[in-house]
Structure formats: structure tokens, C-alpha cells
Protein backbone atom coordinates (compact mmCIF):
# COMPACT_ATOMS: atom_id res chain seq x y z
CA LYS A 1 -1.07 11.38 -4.08
CA LYS A 2 2.51 11.57 -3.23
CA ILE A 3 4.11 8.06 -3.45
CA LEU A 4 7.49 6.51 -2.46
CA VAL A 5 8.31 3.17 -4.13
CA ILE A 6 10.76 1.03 -2.47
CA ASP A 7 12.42 -1.49 -4.84
CA LEU A 8 13.13 -4.48 -2.64
CA ASP A 9 13.72 -7.03 -5.30
CA PRO A 10 17.46 -7.69 -6.10
CA GLN A 11 16.51 -7.96 -9.98
CA GLY A 12 15.49 -4.39 -9.92
CA ASN A 13 12.37 -4.41 -12.15
CA ALA A 14 10.57 -1.78 -10.40
CA THR A 15 13.77 0.38 -10.93
CA THR A 16 14.03 -0.23 -14.73
CA GLY A 17 10.32 -0.08 -15.08
CA LEU A 18 10.34 3.43 -14.02
CA GLY A 19 13.01 4.42 -16.23
CA LEU A 20 15.99 4.32 -13.78
CA SER A 21 19.20 2.36 -13.80
CA ASN A 22 19.41 -0.99 -11.76
CA VAL A 23 23.28 -1.07 -12.20
CA GLU A 24 24.33 1.81 -9.69
CA GLN A 25 26.76 1.57 -6.99
CA SER A 26 25.39 -0.23 -4.13
CA ASP A 27 25.55 2.59 -1.62
CA GLN A 28 23.00 4.59 -3.65
CA THR A 29 20.32 1.84 -3.44
CA ILE A 30 18.19 0.10 -1.05
CA TYR A 31 21.00 -2.22 -0.19
CA GLY A 32 23.17 0.70 1.06
CA ILE A 33 20.27 1.69 3.53
CA LEU A 34 19.94 -1.85 4.77
CA ASN A 35 23.75 -2.33 5.29
CA GLY A 36 23.98 0.91 7.09
CA THR A 37 26.19 2.77 4.45
CA VAL A 38 23.61 5.57 3.79
CA SER A 39 20.39 7.02 4.96
CA ILE A 40 17.01 6.90 3.24
CA SER A 41 17.29 10.66 2.52
CA GLU A 42 20.43 10.15 0.67
CA VAL A 43 19.21 7.77 -1.90
CA ILE A 44 15.64 8.65 -2.79
CA LYS A 45 15.36 9.82 -6.30
CA ARG A 46 12.79 11.68 -8.32
CA THR A 47 11.27 9.91 -11.30
CA LYS A 48 10.05 11.64 -14.24
CA PHE A 49 6.56 11.35 -13.03
CA LYS A 50 5.03 13.91 -10.84
CA ASN A 51 4.61 12.91 -7.09
CA LEU A 52 6.43 9.56 -7.77
CA ASP A 53 9.88 8.95 -5.81
CA LEU A 54 11.82 5.71 -5.89
CA ILE A 55 14.62 4.12 -3.85
CA THR A 56 16.29 1.85 -6.43
CA SER A 57 17.62 -1.79 -6.08
CA ASN A 58 20.38 -3.88 -7.71
CA VAL A 59 21.64 -7.24 -7.67
CA ASP A 60 23.94 -6.76 -4.69
CA LEU A 61 20.87 -6.68 -2.28
CA SER A 62 20.86 -10.63 -3.00
CA GLY A 63 23.74 -11.00 -0.57
CA LEU A 64 21.96 -9.40 2.22
CA GLU A 65 20.50 -12.53 3.88
CA VAL A 66 23.91 -13.96 4.13
CA GLU A 67 25.35 -10.83 5.35
CA THR A 68 22.94 -10.49 8.28
CA ALA A 69 22.84 -14.13 9.29
CA GLY A 70 24.02 -13.34 12.74
CA ASP A 71 21.71 -10.53 13.34
CA ASN A 72 18.69 -11.55 15.49
CA GLU A 73 16.76 -8.46 14.53
CA ARG A 74 17.46 -8.44 10.82
CA ALA A 75 13.77 -8.87 10.05
CA PHE A 76 13.32 -5.46 11.44
CA ILE A 77 15.96 -3.56 9.76
CA LEU A 78 13.82 -1.98 7.08
CA LYS A 79 11.16 -0.99 9.49
CA THR A 80 13.53 0.61 11.79
CA LYS A 81 15.18 2.73 9.01
CA LEU A 82 11.74 3.54 7.69
CA THR A 83 10.31 4.63 10.90
CA ALA A 84 13.34 6.87 11.85
CA TYR A 85 13.16 8.57 8.44
CA LEU A 86 9.55 9.45 8.40
CA ASN A 87 9.79 10.52 12.12
CA GLY A 88 12.79 12.61 11.66
CA SER A 89 12.67 14.00 8.34
CA GLY A 90 9.13 15.56 8.01
CA ALA A 91 8.84 13.74 4.80
CA SER A 92 5.08 13.30 3.76
CA TYR A 93 4.08 10.44 1.56
CA ASP A 94 0.41 9.17 1.19
CA TYR A 95 1.70 5.90 0.29
CA ILE A 96 4.83 3.92 0.49
CA LEU A 97 4.77 1.00 -1.91
CA ILE A 98 7.49 -1.78 -1.40
CA ASP A 99 7.97 -4.14 -4.38
CA CYS A 100 9.08 -7.56 -3.13
CA PRO A 101 10.93 -10.52 -4.74
CA PRO A 102 9.03 -13.32 -6.11
CA SER A 103 9.78 -15.65 -3.25
CA LEU A 104 9.37 -15.86 0.33
CA SER A 105 12.87 -14.69 1.50
CA LEU A 106 14.23 -12.39 4.14
CA LEU A 107 13.65 -9.39 1.93
CA THR A 108 9.91 -10.36 1.75
CA VAL A 109 9.70 -10.69 5.35
CA MET A 110 11.36 -7.41 5.81
CA ALA A 111 8.66 -5.94 3.99
CA LEU A 112 5.75 -7.59 5.50
CA VAL A 113 7.15 -6.71 9.02
CA SER A 114 7.38 -3.03 7.70
CA SER A 115 3.85 -2.79 6.14
CA ASN A 116 0.18 -2.27 6.97
CA SER A 117 -1.22 -3.84 4.16
CA LEU A 118 -0.30 -6.36 1.40
CA LEU A 119 -1.52 -6.50 -2.22
CA VAL A 120 -0.89 -9.98 -3.86
CA PRO A 121 -0.79 -10.23 -7.54
CA LEU A 122 -1.79 -13.64 -8.59
CA GLN A 123 -1.39 -15.09 -12.05
CA THR A 124 -4.29 -17.14 -13.07
CA GLU A 125 -2.73 -20.34 -13.18
CA PHE A 126 -2.61 -23.56 -11.11
CA PHE A 127 0.92 -23.30 -9.46
CA ALA A 128 0.37 -19.64 -8.57
CA LEU A 129 -2.42 -20.91 -6.37
CA GLU A 130 -0.15 -23.27 -4.64
CA GLY A 131 2.20 -20.12 -4.02
CA LEU A 132 -0.64 -18.26 -2.45
CA THR A 133 -1.18 -20.83 0.30
CA GLN A 134 2.24 -20.87 1.25
CA LEU A 135 2.06 -16.95 1.37
CA ILE A 136 -0.96 -16.80 3.49
CA LYS A 137 0.73 -19.10 5.98
CA THR A 138 3.64 -16.88 5.98
CA ILE A 139 1.36 -13.91 6.60
CA GLU A 140 -0.40 -15.56 9.59
CA ARG A 141 3.05 -16.45 11.05
CA ILE A 142 4.34 -12.93 10.74
CA LYS A 143 1.03 -11.38 12.05
CA VAL A 144 1.39 -13.58 15.30
CA ASN A 145 5.06 -13.04 15.88
CA LEU A 146 6.14 -9.74 14.06
CA ASN A 147 3.55 -7.55 12.71
CA PRO A 148 0.07 -8.01 14.16
CA LYS A 149 -1.18 -4.95 12.07
CA LEU A 150 -0.47 -6.75 9.01
CA GLU A 151 -3.52 -7.21 6.63
CA ILE A 152 -4.22 -8.15 3.08
CA GLN A 153 -5.43 -5.24 1.10
CA GLY A 154 -6.45 -7.48 -1.80
CA ILE A 155 -5.64 -10.21 -4.26
CA LEU A 156 -5.26 -9.07 -7.82
CA LEU A 157 -5.75 -11.73 -10.61
CA THR A 158 -3.39 -10.95 -13.42
CA MET A 159 -2.41 -12.17 -17.20
CA TYR A 160 -6.25 -12.97 -17.10
CA ASP A 161 -7.79 -14.51 -20.17
CA HIS A 162 -11.23 -15.31 -20.08
CA VAL A 163 -10.88 -17.40 -23.16
CA TYR A 164 -9.05 -20.06 -21.46
CA GLN A 165 -11.01 -22.39 -18.87
CA LEU A 166 -8.11 -22.61 -16.45
CA THR A 167 -8.45 -18.92 -16.12
CA ARG A 168 -12.03 -18.98 -15.25
CA GLU A 169 -11.51 -21.95 -12.65
CA VAL A 170 -8.67 -20.24 -10.86
CA ASP A 171 -10.99 -17.06 -10.78
CA GLU A 172 -13.89 -19.08 -9.30
CA GLU A 173 -11.83 -20.91 -6.88
CA VAL A 174 -10.00 -17.86 -5.49
CA ARG A 175 -13.11 -15.80 -5.19
CA GLU A 176 -14.93 -18.81 -3.38
CA PHE A 177 -12.12 -19.29 -1.06
CA PHE A 178 -11.10 -15.67 -0.21
CA GLY A 179 -14.22 -13.89 -0.81
CA ASP A 180 -14.28 -10.06 -0.52
CA ILE A 181 -10.43 -9.52 -0.34
CA VAL A 182 -10.15 -10.53 -4.07
CA PHE A 183 -10.46 -7.39 -6.09
CA ASP A 184 -13.16 -6.88 -8.58
CA THR A 185 -10.57 -5.53 -10.93
CA VAL A 186 -8.68 -8.06 -13.07
CA ILE A 187 -5.43 -7.29 -15.20
CA PRO A 188 -6.13 -8.90 -18.79
CA ARG A 189 -3.07 -10.76 -20.45
CA ASP A 190 -1.87 -7.84 -22.70
CA ILE A 191 1.50 -7.65 -24.66
CA SER A 192 1.62 -3.84 -24.10
CA VAL A 193 2.34 -4.49 -20.37
CA ALA A 194 5.43 -6.63 -21.18
CA GLU A 195 6.55 -4.17 -23.86
CA SER A 196 6.21 -1.15 -21.62
CA ALA A 197 8.62 -2.65 -18.96
CA SER A 198 11.33 -3.22 -21.80
CA HIS A 199 11.08 0.58 -22.74
CA GLY A 200 11.43 1.52 -18.96
CA GLN A 201 7.92 3.02 -18.96
CA PRO A 202 4.82 2.31 -16.94
CA VAL A 203 2.19 1.00 -19.39
CA LEU A 204 -0.16 3.76 -18.64
CA GLU A 205 2.27 6.10 -20.42
CA TYR A 206 3.59 3.36 -22.84
CA ALA A 207 0.06 2.32 -24.20
CA PRO A 208 -2.39 4.76 -22.55
CA ARG A 209 -5.43 3.21 -24.41
CA SER A 210 -4.47 -0.47 -23.87
CA PRO A 211 -6.45 -3.04 -21.80
CA GLY A 212 -3.64 -3.34 -19.44
CA THR A 213 -3.72 0.36 -18.63
CA ARG A 214 -7.56 0.28 -18.33
CA GLY A 215 -7.16 -2.53 -15.88
CA TYR A 216 -4.64 -0.78 -13.73
CA ILE A 217 -6.55 2.80 -13.72
CA GLU A 218 -9.65 0.71 -12.48
CA LEU A 219 -7.51 -1.15 -9.81
CA GLY A 220 -6.27 2.43 -8.67
CA MET A 221 -9.75 3.59 -8.27
CA GLU A 222 -10.93 0.41 -6.44
CA ILE A 223 -7.74 0.56 -4.11
CA LEU A 224 -8.69 4.49 -3.40
CA GLU A 225 -12.27 3.46 -2.56
CA HIS A 226 -11.29 0.68 -0.26
CA VAL A 227 -8.97 2.95 1.64
């Protein structure tokens, strides 16, 4: 599959996690696209992984919300840019993955307006459940007002450790409440996942035999089956 990843998080974790720099000039990142400085075709970068392209991010993106405060259509900026690029360039991607910041900010709303489906990683902790409730409310509002096509692809339980009772309780509660939209696959708590990010590598490359890698491979297979 040919994939484009858009890093829409000012922290730039998807950027560094794929081995690229998150301290580039702003006009070479997603920020440059959203503020109108450059076009999408000018900033797409090849990663060292076959069929995987990336639009990078950096900390300047955090100022976008203030800069676009007077724009009534600001929630549609990313969607407009993406649609124009895909219709005008002949680019062909099987999937476009947008990595969002861990908050319900303008950037997250932009991503939800632009997307067909949403994958929700959920740490198996109590406070994560509260955050999920807020996210579901936001999704419903966006479906009504901005993007009726948006659906939840699935909820993914991460940092899963079956030894802890809390993990099992969160698992049971989420599956009871959300049913089939919770992925069967869970991502186990695995130090290799954290280490791989610090080395600028996906865990599949950094520790191909680790439990985390097995979890993400199973997740990929499950997503392909659903799609």
C-alpha cells in the first residue's frame, strides 16, 4: 500500500519517529501548507521506507490557532488543500494517515473534518476513558455540522498489561460500551516501543520480534480485513 503520513502535531513525534527532523524551516512543513506559504506537492518527503511518504511538522504549528482566529472557514483549510492536491496532481495514495495532537484543538478538528474514518488509541487507564467520552461528543458534533461522512474505524487499546486489574477493567468496560468498534488486537506494554521512538525508527524495524511489533502487525491485518 502507498501511504502518506501527515504529522499534524506541533510536537512532531510522527516526524522524528520516522527518522526525519522536526526542526526544519516552517515553510517546509504542514505549517507552511496551512498558512498558504507552500503547496502540498512542494513539501512531501520520502522516508527510507518503501511506499511511505511524510509531511513533517514542527513547533511553529502551535501558533496556527491564534493566527487563523478571524477565519470562519479555518476548520476546512486542511480539507481544501488536500482535496485540491489529490484532484490536481494525479497523486495516488491508498491511505492518508493524519497524526493528531493529544488534545481537542483546532488541529484535531481540521483532521476530523478532512477524514473518512478515525482510529482512536486508548491507554488502558481510567483518565483515558474520560478523554474518550469527550472525543465521542466532539465527533458527534463534527458529524452533524462539518463532516457527516466521519466514522470511527476502531478503538485501539494500548499500553496493555493483563497483569493489572485496572487494565482488565478498562478493557471490559470499553468493549461492553462500544462493542464491535473496539479492535480485537491490543498493543501490549513494551519498552521496545518507547525505545524505537528515541532512535527515530518504527518499532517494526527497531525490534522486529518484540511483543509491540507483533501487536502492530496484527492491527494492520485487522484494519485491512475491515477495509
